[in-house]
Amino acid sequence: MGPGGPGSGWPLAGTLLVAVTASMVAGGEDCLWYVDRNGSWHPDFDCEFFTFCCGTCHQRYCCRDPLRLITERQQRHCLAF
């Protein structure tokens, strides 16, 4: 059977590729300082290896989920508004 057949490992390979790509794209994407919805200031912090800054303009944390990623560019945009 060709690529994608039963037991071929393609779904796992695709998932791994997405995770590695997201980690490479997010390299250096640490959490910048922010102000939460209550007006409290939170200092910037670095995320561990293979994690990156996730969340919103008002709440940030480190995670491995590329769908929750907030880039430093997006974080700076939050500061402008």
PDB file of N, CA and C in Angstrom:
ATOM      1  N   MET A   1       0.828  -1.188   0.000  1.00  0.00           N
ATOM      2  CA  MET A   1       0.000   0.000   0.000  1.00  0.00           C
ATOM      3  C   MET A   1       0.872   1.251   0.000  1.00  0.00           C
ATOM      4  N   GLY A   2       0.419   2.326  -0.611  1.00  0.00           N
ATOM      5  CA  GLY A   2       1.181   3.556  -0.703  1.00  0.00           C
ATOM      6  C   GLY A   2       1.055   4.412   0.544  1.00  0.00           C
ATOM      7  N   PRO A   3       1.568   5.645   0.487  1.00  0.00           N
ATOM      8  CA  PRO A   3       1.492   6.560   1.618  1.00  0.00           C
ATOM      9  C   PRO A   3       0.050   6.767   2.052  1.00  0.00           C
ATOM     10  N   GLY A   4      -0.138   6.789   3.347  1.00  0.00           N
ATOM     11  CA  GLY A   4      -1.462   7.047   3.898  1.00  0.00           C
ATOM     12  C   GLY A   4      -2.280   5.796   4.122  1.00  0.00           C
ATOM     13  N   GLY A   5      -1.748   4.624   3.759  1.00  0.00           N
ATOM     14  CA  GLY A   5      -2.466   3.377   3.966  1.00  0.00           C
ATOM     15  C   GLY A   5      -2.524   3.031   5.447  1.00  0.00           C
ATOM     16  N   PRO A   6      -3.292   2.009   5.770  1.00  0.00           N
ATOM     17  CA  PRO A   6      -3.415   1.611   7.168  1.00  0.00           C
ATOM     18  C   PRO A   6      -2.064   1.304   7.798  1.00  0.00           C
ATOM     19  N   GLY A   7      -1.849   1.892   8.983  1.00  0.00           N
ATOM     20  CA  GLY A   7      -0.614   1.639   9.713  1.00  0.00           C
ATOM     21  C   GLY A   7       0.618   2.284   9.115  1.00  0.00           C
ATOM     22  N   SER A   8       0.434   3.233   8.212  1.00  0.00           N
ATOM     23  CA  SER A   8       1.588   3.809   7.535  1.00  0.00           C
ATOM     24  C   SER A   8       2.348   4.807   8.393  1.00  0.00           C
ATOM     25  N   GLY A   9       1.706   5.327   9.423  1.00  0.00           N
ATOM     26  CA  GLY A   9       2.389   6.300  10.272  1.00  0.00           C
ATOM     27  C   GLY A   9       2.279   7.735   9.782  1.00  0.00           C
ATOM     28  N   TRP A  10       1.609   7.974   8.673  1.00  0.00           N
ATOM     29  CA  TRP A  10       1.491   9.336   8.153  1.00  0.00           C
ATOM     30  C   TRP A  10       0.776  10.293   9.095  1.00  0.00           C
ATOM     31  N   PRO A  11      -0.319   9.912   9.764  1.00  0.00           N
ATOM     32  CA  PRO A  11      -0.944  10.860  10.693  1.00  0.00           C
ATOM     33  C   PRO A  11       0.014  11.286  11.803  1.00  0.00           C
ATOM     34  N   LEU A  12       0.768  10.355  12.336  1.00  0.00           N
ATOM     35  CA  LEU A  12       1.727  10.679  13.386  1.00  0.00           C
ATOM     36  C   LEU A  12       2.830  11.580  12.838  1.00  0.00           C
ATOM     37  N   ALA A  13       3.317  11.274  11.655  1.00  0.00           N
ATOM     38  CA  ALA A  13       4.369  12.084  11.043  1.00  0.00           C
ATOM     39  C   ALA A  13       3.869  13.504  10.791  1.00  0.00           C
ATOM     40  N   GLY A  14       2.628  13.631  10.326  1.00  0.00           N
ATOM     41  CA  GLY A  14       2.048  14.956  10.083  1.00  0.00           C
ATOM     42  C   GLY A  14       1.905  15.754  11.363  1.00  0.00           C
ATOM     43  N   THR A  15       1.466  15.095  12.426  1.00  0.00           N
ATOM     44  CA  THR A  15       1.321  15.762  13.727  1.00  0.00           C
ATOM     45  C   THR A  15       2.676  16.213  14.243  1.00  0.00           C
ATOM     46  N   LEU A  16       3.664  15.357  14.116  1.00  0.00           N
ATOM     47  CA  LEU A  16       5.009  15.703  14.549  1.00  0.00           C
ATOM     48  C   LEU A  16       5.566  16.870  13.744  1.00  0.00           C
ATOM     49  N   LEU A  17       5.337  16.869  12.449  1.00  0.00           N
ATOM     50  CA  LEU A  17       5.797  17.952  11.583  1.00  0.00           C
ATOM     51  C   LEU A  17       5.170  19.282  11.994  1.00  0.00           C
ATOM     52  N   VAL A  18       3.878  19.277  12.276  1.00  0.00           N
ATOM     53  CA  VAL A  18       3.192  20.509  12.714  1.00  0.00           C
ATOM     54  C   VAL A  18       3.780  20.997  14.029  1.00  0.00           C
ATOM     55  N   ALA A  19       4.002  20.093  14.975  1.00  0.00           N
ATOM     56  CA  ALA A  19       4.539  20.474  16.280  1.00  0.00           C
ATOM     57  C   ALA A  19       5.948  21.055  16.160  1.00  0.00           C
ATOM     58  N   VAL A  20       6.794  20.415  15.354  1.00  0.00           N
ATOM     59  CA  VAL A  20       8.160  20.895  15.175  1.00  0.00           C
ATOM     60  C   VAL A  20       8.160  22.240  14.456  1.00  0.00           C
ATOM     61  N   THR A  21       7.353  22.371  13.426  1.00  0.00           N
ATOM     62  CA  THR A  21       7.268  23.629  12.688  1.00  0.00           C
ATOM     63  C   THR A  21       6.788  24.754  13.586  1.00  0.00           C
ATOM     64  N   ALA A  22       5.765  24.500  14.371  1.00  0.00           N
ATOM     65  CA  ALA A  22       5.246  25.513  15.284  1.00  0.00           C
ATOM     66  C   ALA A  22       6.307  25.917  16.296  1.00  0.00           C
ATOM     67  N   SER A  23       7.076  24.955  16.785  1.00  0.00           N
ATOM     68  CA  SER A  23       8.132  25.256  17.744  1.00  0.00           C
ATOM     69  C   SER A  23       9.215  26.103  17.097  1.00  0.00           C
ATOM     70  N   MET A  24       9.551  25.800  15.846  1.00  0.00           N
ATOM     71  CA  MET A  24      10.570  26.573  15.152  1.00  0.00           C
ATOM     72  C   MET A  24      10.074  27.984  14.880  1.00  0.00           C
ATOM     73  N   VAL A  25       8.822  28.111  14.463  1.00  0.00           N
ATOM     74  CA  VAL A  25       8.243  29.426  14.205  1.00  0.00           C
ATOM     75  C   VAL A  25       8.174  30.217  15.497  1.00  0.00           C
ATOM     76  N   ALA A  26       7.863  29.527  16.586  1.00  0.00           N
ATOM     77  CA  ALA A  26       7.691  30.194  17.866  1.00  0.00           C
ATOM     78  C   ALA A  26       9.005  30.383  18.606  1.00  0.00           C
ATOM     79  N   GLY A  27      10.113  29.994  18.006  1.00  0.00           N
ATOM     80  CA  GLY A  27      11.390  30.165  18.665  1.00  0.00           C
ATOM     81  C   GLY A  27      11.569  31.614  19.084  1.00  0.00           C
ATOM     82  N   GLY A  28      11.810  31.834  20.359  1.00  0.00           N
ATOM     83  CA  GLY A  28      11.959  33.182  20.866  1.00  0.00           C
ATOM     84  C   GLY A  28      10.639  33.874  21.138  1.00  0.00           C
ATOM     85  N   GLU A  29       9.534  33.183  21.022  1.00  0.00           N
ATOM     86  CA  GLU A  29       8.228  33.770  21.290  1.00  0.00           C
ATOM     87  C   GLU A  29       7.901  33.649  22.773  1.00  0.00           C
ATOM     88  N   ASP A  30       8.531  34.471  23.560  1.00  0.00           N
ATOM     89  CA  ASP A  30       8.285  34.475  24.985  1.00  0.00           C
ATOM     90  C   ASP A  30       7.163  35.458  25.309  1.00  0.00           C
ATOM     91  N   CYS A  31       6.679  35.383  26.523  1.00  0.00           N
ATOM     92  CA  CYS A  31       5.562  36.238  26.923  1.00  0.00           C
ATOM     93  C   CYS A  31       6.074  37.605  27.376  1.00  0.00           C
ATOM     94  N   LEU A  32       5.623  38.639  26.702  1.00  0.00           N
ATOM     95  CA  LEU A  32       5.971  40.004  27.076  1.00  0.00           C
ATOM     96  C   LEU A  32       5.086  40.448  28.236  1.00  0.00           C
ATOM     97  N   TRP A  33       5.478  41.546  28.885  1.00  0.00           N
ATOM     98  CA  TRP A  33       4.661  42.051  29.987  1.00  0.00           C
ATOM     99  C   TRP A  33       3.273  42.418  29.474  1.00  0.00           C
ATOM    100  N   TYR A  34       2.301  42.380  30.373  1.00  0.00           N
ATOM    101  CA  TYR A  34       0.931  42.718  29.985  1.00  0.00           C
ATOM    102  C   TYR A  34       0.142  43.195  31.190  1.00  0.00           C
ATOM    103  N   VAL A  35      -0.987  43.780  30.910  1.00  0.00           N
ATOM    104  CA  VAL A  35      -1.916  44.236  31.947  1.00  0.00           C
ATOM    105  C   VAL A  35      -3.184  43.413  31.793  1.00  0.00           C
ATOM    106  N   ASP A  36      -3.619  42.771  32.884  1.00  0.00           N
ATOM    107  CA  ASP A  36      -4.818  41.933  32.793  1.00  0.00           C
ATOM    108  C   ASP A  36      -6.085  42.789  32.844  1.00  0.00           C
ATOM    109  N   ARG A  37      -7.229  42.152  32.778  1.00  0.00           N
ATOM    110  CA  ARG A  37      -8.513  42.869  32.732  1.00  0.00           C
ATOM    111  C   ARG A  37      -8.791  43.679  33.995  1.00  0.00           C
ATOM    112  N   ASN A  38      -8.128  43.314  35.099  1.00  0.00           N
ATOM    113  CA  ASN A  38      -8.308  44.054  36.352  1.00  0.00           C
ATOM    114  C   ASN A  38      -7.343  45.223  36.483  1.00  0.00           C
ATOM    115  N   GLY A  39      -6.497  45.404  35.481  1.00  0.00           N
ATOM    116  CA  GLY A  39      -5.530  46.488  35.509  1.00  0.00           C
ATOM    117  C   GLY A  39      -4.235  46.137  36.218  1.00  0.00           C
ATOM    118  N   SER A  40      -4.043  44.858  36.579  1.00  0.00           N
ATOM    119  CA  SER A  40      -2.814  44.423  37.248  1.00  0.00           C
ATOM    120  C   SER A  40      -1.727  44.176  36.214  1.00  0.00           C
ATOM    121  N   TRP A  41      -0.525  44.662  36.522  1.00  0.00           N
ATOM    122  CA  TRP A  41       0.624  44.508  35.631  1.00  0.00           C
ATOM    123  C   TRP A  41       1.291  43.183  35.902  1.00  0.00           C
ATOM    124  N   HIS A  42       1.692  42.463  34.839  1.00  0.00           N
ATOM    125  CA  HIS A  42       2.400  41.192  34.948  1.00  0.00           C
ATOM    126  C   HIS A  42       3.706  41.315  34.171  1.00  0.00           C
ATOM    127  N   PRO A  43       4.841  40.960  34.794  1.00  0.00           N
ATOM    128  CA  PRO A  43       6.139  41.076  34.100  1.00  0.00           C
ATOM    129  C   PRO A  43       6.278  40.032  32.998  1.00  0.00           C
ATOM    130  N   ASP A  44       7.217  40.288  32.085  1.00  0.00           N
ATOM    131  CA  ASP A  44       7.470  39.319  31.021  1.00  0.00           C
ATOM    132  C   ASP A  44       8.140  38.078  31.600  1.00  0.00           C
ATOM    133  N   PHE A  45       8.047  36.971  30.881  1.00  0.00           N
ATOM    134  CA  PHE A  45       8.675  35.730  31.317  1.00  0.00           C
ATOM    135  C   PHE A  45       8.998  34.871  30.115  1.00  0.00           C
ATOM    136  N   ASP A  46      10.009  34.015  30.296  1.00  0.00           N
ATOM    137  CA  ASP A  46      10.467  33.123  29.236  1.00  0.00           C
ATOM    138  C   ASP A  46       9.775  31.770  29.355  1.00  0.00           C
ATOM    139  N   CYS A  47       9.462  31.188  28.234  1.00  0.00           N
ATOM    140  CA  CYS A  47       8.876  29.852  28.213  1.00  0.00           C
ATOM    141  C   CYS A  47       9.993  28.832  28.030  1.00  0.00           C
ATOM    142  N   GLU A  48       9.788  27.641  28.565  1.00  0.00           N
ATOM    143  CA  GLU A  48      10.785  26.580  28.459  1.00  0.00           C
ATOM    144  C   GLU A  48      10.915  26.104  27.011  1.00  0.00           C
ATOM    145  N   PHE A  49      11.936  25.312  26.769  1.00  0.00           N
ATOM    146  CA  PHE A  49      12.198  24.743  25.442  1.00  0.00           C
ATOM    147  C   PHE A  49      10.976  23.970  24.941  1.00  0.00           C
ATOM    148  N   PHE A  50      10.635  24.134  23.703  1.00  0.00           N
ATOM    149  CA  PHE A  50       9.488  23.502  23.045  1.00  0.00           C
ATOM    150  C   PHE A  50       8.141  23.981  23.581  1.00  0.00           C
ATOM    151  N   THR A  51       8.126  25.111  24.260  1.00  0.00           N
ATOM    152  CA  THR A  51       6.858  25.750  24.622  1.00  0.00           C
ATOM    153  C   THR A  51       6.946  27.192  24.155  1.00  0.00           C
ATOM    154  N   PHE A  52       5.813  27.827  24.073  1.00  0.00           N
ATOM    155  CA  PHE A  52       5.787  29.209  23.625  1.00  0.00           C
ATOM    156  C   PHE A  52       4.645  29.932  24.300  1.00  0.00           C
ATOM    157  N   CYS A  53       4.597  31.236  24.133  1.00  0.00           N
ATOM    158  CA  CYS A  53       3.595  32.048  24.791  1.00  0.00           C
ATOM    159  C   CYS A  53       2.220  31.802  24.169  1.00  0.00           C
ATOM    160  N   CYS A  54       1.258  31.568  25.019  1.00  0.00           N
ATOM    161  CA  CYS A  54      -0.112  31.310  24.597  1.00  0.00           C
ATOM    162  C   CYS A  54      -1.040  32.242  25.362  1.00  0.00           C
ATOM    163  N   GLY A  55      -2.261  32.349  24.887  1.00  0.00           N
ATOM    164  CA  GLY A  55      -3.264  33.123  25.607  1.00  0.00           C
ATOM    165  C   GLY A  55      -3.810  34.276  24.803  1.00  0.00           C
ATOM    166  N   THR A  56      -4.112  35.347  25.535  1.00  0.00           N
ATOM    167  CA  THR A  56      -4.745  36.521  24.956  1.00  0.00           C
ATOM    168  C   THR A  56      -3.972  37.770  25.379  1.00  0.00           C
ATOM    169  N   CYS A  57      -4.492  38.916  25.006  1.00  0.00           N
ATOM    170  CA  CYS A  57      -3.865  40.170  25.423  1.00  0.00           C
ATOM    171  C   CYS A  57      -3.887  40.331  26.941  1.00  0.00           C
ATOM    172  N   HIS A  58      -4.872  39.749  27.601  1.00  0.00           N
ATOM    173  CA  HIS A  58      -5.062  39.967  29.032  1.00  0.00           C
ATOM    174  C   HIS A  58      -4.720  38.766  29.906  1.00  0.00           C
ATOM    175  N   GLN A  59      -4.274  37.672  29.315  1.00  0.00           N
ATOM    176  CA  GLN A  59      -3.866  36.496  30.090  1.00  0.00           C
ATOM    177  C   GLN A  59      -2.879  35.698  29.255  1.00  0.00           C
ATOM    178  N   ARG A  60      -1.685  35.469  29.796  1.00  0.00           N
ATOM    179  CA  ARG A  60      -0.656  34.757  29.038  1.00  0.00           C
ATOM    180  C   ARG A  60      -0.039  33.656  29.881  1.00  0.00           C
ATOM    181  N   TYR A  61       0.358  32.595  29.211  1.00  0.00           N
ATOM    182  CA  TYR A  61       0.951  31.430  29.863  1.00  0.00           C
ATOM    183  C   TYR A  61       1.743  30.663  28.808  1.00  0.00           C
ATOM    184  N   CYS A  62       2.591  29.755  29.236  1.00  0.00           N
ATOM    185  CA  CYS A  62       3.371  28.923  28.318  1.00  0.00           C
ATOM    186  C   CYS A  62       2.609  27.645  28.012  1.00  0.00           C
ATOM    187  N   CYS A  63       2.632  27.221  26.757  1.00  0.00           N
ATOM    188  CA  CYS A  63       1.973  25.980  26.376  1.00  0.00           C
ATOM    189  C   CYS A  63       2.645  25.406  25.135  1.00  0.00           C
ATOM    190  N   ARG A  64       2.178  24.221  24.728  1.00  0.00           N
ATOM    191  CA  ARG A  64       2.699  23.554  23.533  1.00  0.00           C
ATOM    192  C   ARG A  64       1.677  23.520  22.404  1.00  0.00           C
ATOM    193  N   ASP A  65       0.535  24.118  22.589  1.00  0.00           N
ATOM    194  CA  ASP A  65      -0.545  24.082  21.607  1.00  0.00           C
ATOM    195  C   ASP A  65      -0.388  25.228  20.611  1.00  0.00           C
ATOM    196  N   PRO A  66       0.010  24.929  19.364  1.00  0.00           N
ATOM    197  CA  PRO A  66       0.223  26.004  18.394  1.00  0.00           C
ATOM    198  C   PRO A  66      -1.047  26.795  18.072  1.00  0.00           C
ATOM    199  N   LEU A  67      -2.204  26.236  18.346  1.00  0.00           N
ATOM    200  CA  LEU A  67      -3.444  26.968  18.091  1.00  0.00           C
ATOM    201  C   LEU A  67      -3.692  28.065  19.119  1.00  0.00           C
ATOM    202  N   ARG A  68      -3.009  28.010  20.255  1.00  0.00           N
ATOM    203  CA  ARG A  68      -3.165  29.018  21.307  1.00  0.00           C
ATOM    204  C   ARG A  68      -2.025  30.030  21.327  1.00  0.00           C
ATOM    205  N   LEU A  69      -1.091  29.874  20.404  1.00  0.00           N
ATOM    206  CA  LEU A  69       0.091  30.728  20.316  1.00  0.00           C
ATOM    207  C   LEU A  69      -0.289  32.192  20.163  1.00  0.00           C
ATOM    208  N   ILE A  70       0.405  33.057  20.897  1.00  0.00           N
ATOM    209  CA  ILE A  70       0.311  34.501  20.680  1.00  0.00           C
ATOM    210  C   ILE A  70       1.743  34.986  20.440  1.00  0.00           C
ATOM    211  N   THR A  71       2.004  35.449  19.247  1.00  0.00           N
ATOM    212  CA  THR A  71       3.361  35.849  18.874  1.00  0.00           C
ATOM    213  C   THR A  71       3.747  37.144  19.570  1.00  0.00           C
ATOM    214  N   GLU A  72       5.044  37.428  19.586  1.00  0.00           N
ATOM    215  CA  GLU A  72       5.501  38.685  20.173  1.00  0.00           C
ATOM    216  C   GLU A  72       4.928  39.868  19.394  1.00  0.00           C
ATOM    217  N   ARG A  73       4.765  39.717  18.101  1.00  0.00           N
ATOM    218  CA  ARG A  73       4.156  40.785  17.296  1.00  0.00           C
ATOM    219  C   ARG A  73       2.718  41.039  17.746  1.00  0.00           C
ATOM    220  N   GLN A  74       1.946  39.961  17.944  1.00  0.00           N
ATOM    221  CA  GLN A  74       0.578  40.114  18.425  1.00  0.00           C
ATOM    222  C   GLN A  74       0.550  40.722  19.826  1.00  0.00           C
ATOM    223  N   GLN A  75       1.507  40.328  20.665  1.00  0.00           N
ATOM    224  CA  GLN A  75       1.568  40.882  22.017  1.00  0.00           C
ATOM    225  C   GLN A  75       1.851  42.383  21.990  1.00  0.00           C
ATOM    226  N   ARG A  76       2.753  42.803  21.105  1.00  0.00           N
ATOM    227  CA  ARG A  76       3.041  44.239  20.982  1.00  0.00           C
ATOM    228  C   ARG A  76       1.816  44.992  20.502  1.00  0.00           C
ATOM    229  N   HIS A  77       1.043  44.378  19.613  1.00  0.00           N
ATOM    230  CA  HIS A  77      -0.190  44.977  19.127  1.00  0.00           C
ATOM    231  C   HIS A  77      -1.152  45.196  20.302  1.00  0.00           C
ATOM    232  N   CYS A  78      -1.205  44.237  21.223  1.00  0.00           N
ATOM    233  CA  CYS A  78      -2.046  44.373  22.412  1.00  0.00           C
ATOM    234  C   CYS A  78      -1.663  45.613  23.222  1.00  0.00           C
ATOM    235  N   LEU A  79      -0.354  45.877  23.310  1.00  0.00           N
ATOM    236  CA  LEU A  79       0.124  47.012  24.101  1.00  0.00           C
ATOM    237  C   LEU A  79      -0.304  48.341  23.494  1.00  0.00           C
ATOM    238  N   ALA A  80      -0.482  48.356  22.187  1.00  0.00           N
ATOM    239  CA  ALA A  80      -0.849  49.590  21.500  1.00  0.00           C
ATOM    240  C   ALA A  80      -2.306  49.976  21.747  1.00  0.00           C
ATOM    241  N   PHE A  81      -3.101  48.994  22.133  1.00  0.00           N
ATOM    242  CA  PHE A  81      -4.529  49.262  22.313  1.00  0.00           C
ATOM    243  C   PHE A  81      -4.909  49.033  23.715  1.00  0.00           C
TER     244      PHE A  81
END
